[in-house]
Amino acid sequence: MQITQTVKIMGTLLESGDKKGEWRLRGFGPDVNYPSSLVLEPQKRHYVVGLDSNGHRHELPPLEPDELAFDAT
């Protein structure tokens, strides 16, 4: 199983420096002039059943939420 998660940076993390053409890394957080934040998208899980002779993964097809329903009766 492999889990991936996308992290989006909203806003800007750079600010102009003291010299022309110079840039500095800003921090995260609210700022009146340059708001920035991180947005985490939901994790995605990739299930594999093994590797072929070339080392490529054989992924199982994604499951839809209704396919995950289980009736124990």
N, C-alpha and C. Protein backbone atom coordinates (compact mmCIF):
# COMPACT_ATOMS: atom_id res chain seq x y z
N MET A 1 0.85 -1.17 0.00
CA MET A 1 0.00 0.00 0.00
C MET A 1 0.90 1.24 0.00
N GLN A 2 0.48 2.24 -0.74
CA GLN A 2 1.19 3.51 -0.79
C GLN A 2 0.18 4.60 -0.47
N ILE A 3 0.54 5.53 0.39
CA ILE A 3 -0.35 6.65 0.74
C ILE A 3 0.29 7.93 0.23
N THR A 4 -0.51 8.72 -0.51
CA THR A 4 -0.03 10.03 -0.97
C THR A 4 -0.95 11.12 -0.44
N GLN A 5 -0.39 12.29 -0.26
CA GLN A 5 -1.20 13.43 0.19
C GLN A 5 -0.62 14.69 -0.45
N THR A 6 -1.50 15.50 -1.01
CA THR A 6 -1.09 16.75 -1.65
C THR A 6 -1.17 17.89 -0.65
N VAL A 7 -0.11 18.69 -0.61
CA VAL A 7 -0.06 19.88 0.24
C VAL A 7 -0.02 21.09 -0.68
N LYS A 8 -1.00 21.97 -0.54
CA LYS A 8 -1.03 23.19 -1.36
C LYS A 8 -0.60 24.37 -0.50
N ILE A 9 0.24 25.23 -1.07
CA ILE A 9 0.64 26.46 -0.40
C ILE A 9 -0.20 27.57 -0.99
N MET A 10 -1.01 28.18 -0.16
CA MET A 10 -1.88 29.27 -0.61
C MET A 10 -1.24 30.59 -0.18
N GLY A 11 -1.19 31.53 -1.08
CA GLY A 11 -0.56 32.81 -0.76
C GLY A 11 0.88 32.80 -1.23
N THR A 12 1.70 33.63 -0.62
CA THR A 12 3.09 33.72 -1.03
C THR A 12 4.01 33.46 0.16
N LEU A 13 5.13 32.82 -0.11
CA LEU A 13 6.12 32.56 0.93
C LEU A 13 7.38 33.39 0.73
N LEU A 14 7.39 34.23 -0.30
CA LEU A 14 8.56 35.05 -0.59
C LEU A 14 8.25 36.52 -0.37
N GLU A 15 9.25 37.25 0.07
CA GLU A 15 9.14 38.71 0.17
C GLU A 15 10.41 39.31 -0.40
N SER A 16 10.31 40.51 -0.90
CA SER A 16 11.49 41.14 -1.49
C SER A 16 12.50 41.46 -0.39
N GLY A 17 13.78 41.30 -0.75
CA GLY A 17 14.86 41.55 0.20
C GLY A 17 15.31 43.00 0.18
N ASP A 18 16.44 43.24 0.83
CA ASP A 18 16.98 44.60 0.94
C ASP A 18 17.58 45.09 -0.38
N LYS A 19 18.13 44.18 -1.16
CA LYS A 19 18.76 44.56 -2.42
C LYS A 19 17.83 44.23 -3.58
N LYS A 20 18.03 44.90 -4.71
CA LYS A 20 17.23 44.66 -5.89
C LYS A 20 17.44 43.22 -6.38
N GLY A 21 16.35 42.50 -6.63
CA GLY A 21 16.43 41.13 -7.11
C GLY A 21 16.64 40.11 -6.01
N GLU A 22 16.69 40.54 -4.77
CA GLU A 22 16.89 39.61 -3.65
C GLU A 22 15.53 39.23 -3.05
N TRP A 23 15.39 37.97 -2.69
CA TRP A 23 14.15 37.48 -2.09
C TRP A 23 14.45 36.74 -0.80
N ARG A 24 13.51 36.81 0.14
CA ARG A 24 13.64 36.09 1.41
C ARG A 24 12.43 35.21 1.59
N LEU A 25 12.64 34.10 2.28
CA LEU A 25 11.54 33.19 2.60
C LEU A 25 10.80 33.73 3.81
N ARG A 26 9.49 33.88 3.65
CA ARG A 26 8.64 34.33 4.76
C ARG A 26 8.15 33.12 5.53
N GLY A 27 7.54 33.33 6.64
CA GLY A 27 6.95 32.24 7.41
C GLY A 27 5.51 32.02 7.00
N PHE A 28 4.88 31.01 7.57
CA PHE A 28 3.47 30.75 7.36
C PHE A 28 2.67 31.53 8.38
N GLY A 29 1.45 31.85 8.04
CA GLY A 29 0.55 32.47 9.00
C GLY A 29 -0.10 33.71 8.45
N PRO A 30 -1.07 34.21 9.19
CA PRO A 30 -1.81 35.39 8.72
C PRO A 30 -0.93 36.63 8.71
N ASP A 31 -1.08 37.40 7.68
CA ASP A 31 -0.37 38.67 7.53
C ASP A 31 -1.29 39.57 6.72
N VAL A 32 -1.41 40.80 7.11
CA VAL A 32 -2.34 41.71 6.45
C VAL A 32 -2.01 41.87 4.97
N ASN A 33 -0.72 41.95 4.65
CA ASN A 33 -0.32 42.20 3.27
C ASN A 33 -0.19 40.92 2.43
N TYR A 34 0.30 39.86 3.01
CA TYR A 34 0.55 38.63 2.27
C TYR A 34 0.09 37.43 3.08
N PRO A 35 -1.21 37.13 3.06
CA PRO A 35 -1.66 35.96 3.81
C PRO A 35 -1.15 34.67 3.16
N SER A 36 -0.74 33.73 3.98
CA SER A 36 -0.29 32.44 3.45
C SER A 36 -0.79 31.34 4.37
N SER A 37 -1.03 30.19 3.80
CA SER A 37 -1.49 29.06 4.59
C SER A 37 -1.23 27.77 3.83
N LEU A 38 -1.30 26.66 4.55
CA LEU A 38 -1.18 25.34 3.95
C LEU A 38 -2.54 24.70 3.89
N VAL A 39 -2.84 24.03 2.79
CA VAL A 39 -4.10 23.29 2.65
C VAL A 39 -3.72 21.84 2.37
N LEU A 40 -4.16 20.94 3.24
CA LEU A 40 -3.91 19.51 3.05
C LEU A 40 -5.11 18.87 2.40
N GLU A 41 -4.90 18.21 1.29
CA GLU A 41 -5.99 17.49 0.64
C GLU A 41 -6.10 16.10 1.27
N PRO A 42 -7.24 15.45 1.13
CA PRO A 42 -7.39 14.11 1.72
C PRO A 42 -6.33 13.14 1.19
N GLN A 43 -5.95 12.21 2.04
CA GLN A 43 -4.98 11.20 1.64
C GLN A 43 -5.59 10.27 0.60
N LYS A 44 -4.74 9.77 -0.28
CA LYS A 44 -5.16 8.77 -1.26
C LYS A 44 -4.35 7.52 -1.00
N ARG A 45 -5.02 6.38 -1.00
CA ARG A 45 -4.34 5.10 -0.78
C ARG A 45 -4.31 4.32 -2.08
N HIS A 46 -3.15 3.78 -2.40
CA HIS A 46 -2.95 2.99 -3.60
C HIS A 46 -2.55 1.59 -3.15
N TYR A 47 -3.35 0.61 -3.52
CA TYR A 47 -3.08 -0.78 -3.15
C TYR A 47 -2.47 -1.50 -4.34
N VAL A 48 -1.42 -2.23 -4.09
CA VAL A 48 -0.75 -2.98 -5.15
C VAL A 48 -0.75 -4.46 -4.81
N VAL A 49 -0.76 -5.29 -5.83
CA VAL A 49 -0.75 -6.73 -5.61
C VAL A 49 0.61 -7.34 -5.91
N GLY A 50 1.55 -6.58 -6.38
CA GLY A 50 2.88 -7.11 -6.63
C GLY A 50 3.55 -6.39 -7.79
N LEU A 51 4.75 -6.83 -8.08
CA LEU A 51 5.53 -6.24 -9.16
C LEU A 51 5.68 -7.24 -10.29
N ASP A 52 5.73 -6.72 -11.53
CA ASP A 52 5.98 -7.60 -12.66
C ASP A 52 7.50 -7.75 -12.85
N SER A 53 7.91 -8.45 -13.88
CA SER A 53 9.34 -8.71 -14.09
C SER A 53 10.13 -7.43 -14.39
N ASN A 54 9.42 -6.37 -14.81
CA ASN A 54 10.08 -5.09 -15.07
C ASN A 54 10.08 -4.17 -13.86
N GLY A 55 9.51 -4.64 -12.77
CA GLY A 55 9.48 -3.82 -11.55
C GLY A 55 8.32 -2.84 -11.49
N HIS A 56 7.36 -2.95 -12.42
CA HIS A 56 6.20 -2.07 -12.39
C HIS A 56 5.15 -2.61 -11.43
N ARG A 57 4.50 -1.72 -10.70
CA ARG A 57 3.47 -2.12 -9.76
C ARG A 57 2.16 -2.44 -10.47
N HIS A 58 1.47 -3.43 -9.97
CA HIS A 58 0.12 -3.75 -10.45
C HIS A 58 -0.85 -3.20 -9.43
N GLU A 59 -1.42 -2.03 -9.75
CA GLU A 59 -2.35 -1.39 -8.81
C GLU A 59 -3.74 -1.96 -8.97
N LEU A 60 -4.44 -2.07 -7.85
CA LEU A 60 -5.84 -2.46 -7.88
C LEU A 60 -6.65 -1.23 -8.30
N PRO A 61 -7.79 -1.41 -8.95
CA PRO A 61 -8.59 -0.25 -9.34
C PRO A 61 -9.13 0.45 -8.10
N PRO A 62 -9.32 1.78 -8.17
CA PRO A 62 -9.84 2.51 -7.02
C PRO A 62 -11.24 2.04 -6.66
N LEU A 63 -11.54 2.01 -5.38
CA LEU A 63 -12.85 1.60 -4.91
C LEU A 63 -13.71 2.82 -4.63
N GLU A 64 -14.94 2.77 -5.05
CA GLU A 64 -15.88 3.85 -4.77
C GLU A 64 -16.47 3.62 -3.38
N PRO A 65 -16.89 4.68 -2.67
CA PRO A 65 -17.43 4.51 -1.32
C PRO A 65 -18.56 3.48 -1.22
N ASP A 66 -19.47 3.36 -2.23
CA ASP A 66 -20.56 2.37 -2.12
C ASP A 66 -20.01 0.95 -2.21
N GLU A 67 -18.88 0.76 -2.89
CA GLU A 67 -18.30 -0.57 -3.00
C GLU A 67 -17.68 -1.03 -1.68
N LEU A 68 -17.48 -0.10 -0.76
CA LEU A 68 -16.86 -0.44 0.51
C LEU A 68 -17.89 -0.85 1.56
N ALA A 69 -19.17 -0.74 1.22
CA ALA A 69 -20.22 -1.08 2.18
C ALA A 69 -20.17 -2.58 2.49
N PHE A 70 -20.40 -2.90 3.72
CA PHE A 70 -20.34 -4.29 4.16
C PHE A 70 -21.58 -4.61 4.96
N ASP A 71 -22.26 -5.64 4.57
CA ASP A 71 -23.47 -6.06 5.28
C ASP A 71 -23.16 -7.35 6.02
N ALA A 72 -23.13 -7.28 7.35
CA ALA A 72 -22.76 -8.43 8.17
C ALA A 72 -23.95 -9.33 8.48
N THR A 73 -25.13 -9.02 7.95
CA THR A 73 -26.29 -9.87 8.28
C THR A 73 -26.38 -11.07 7.39
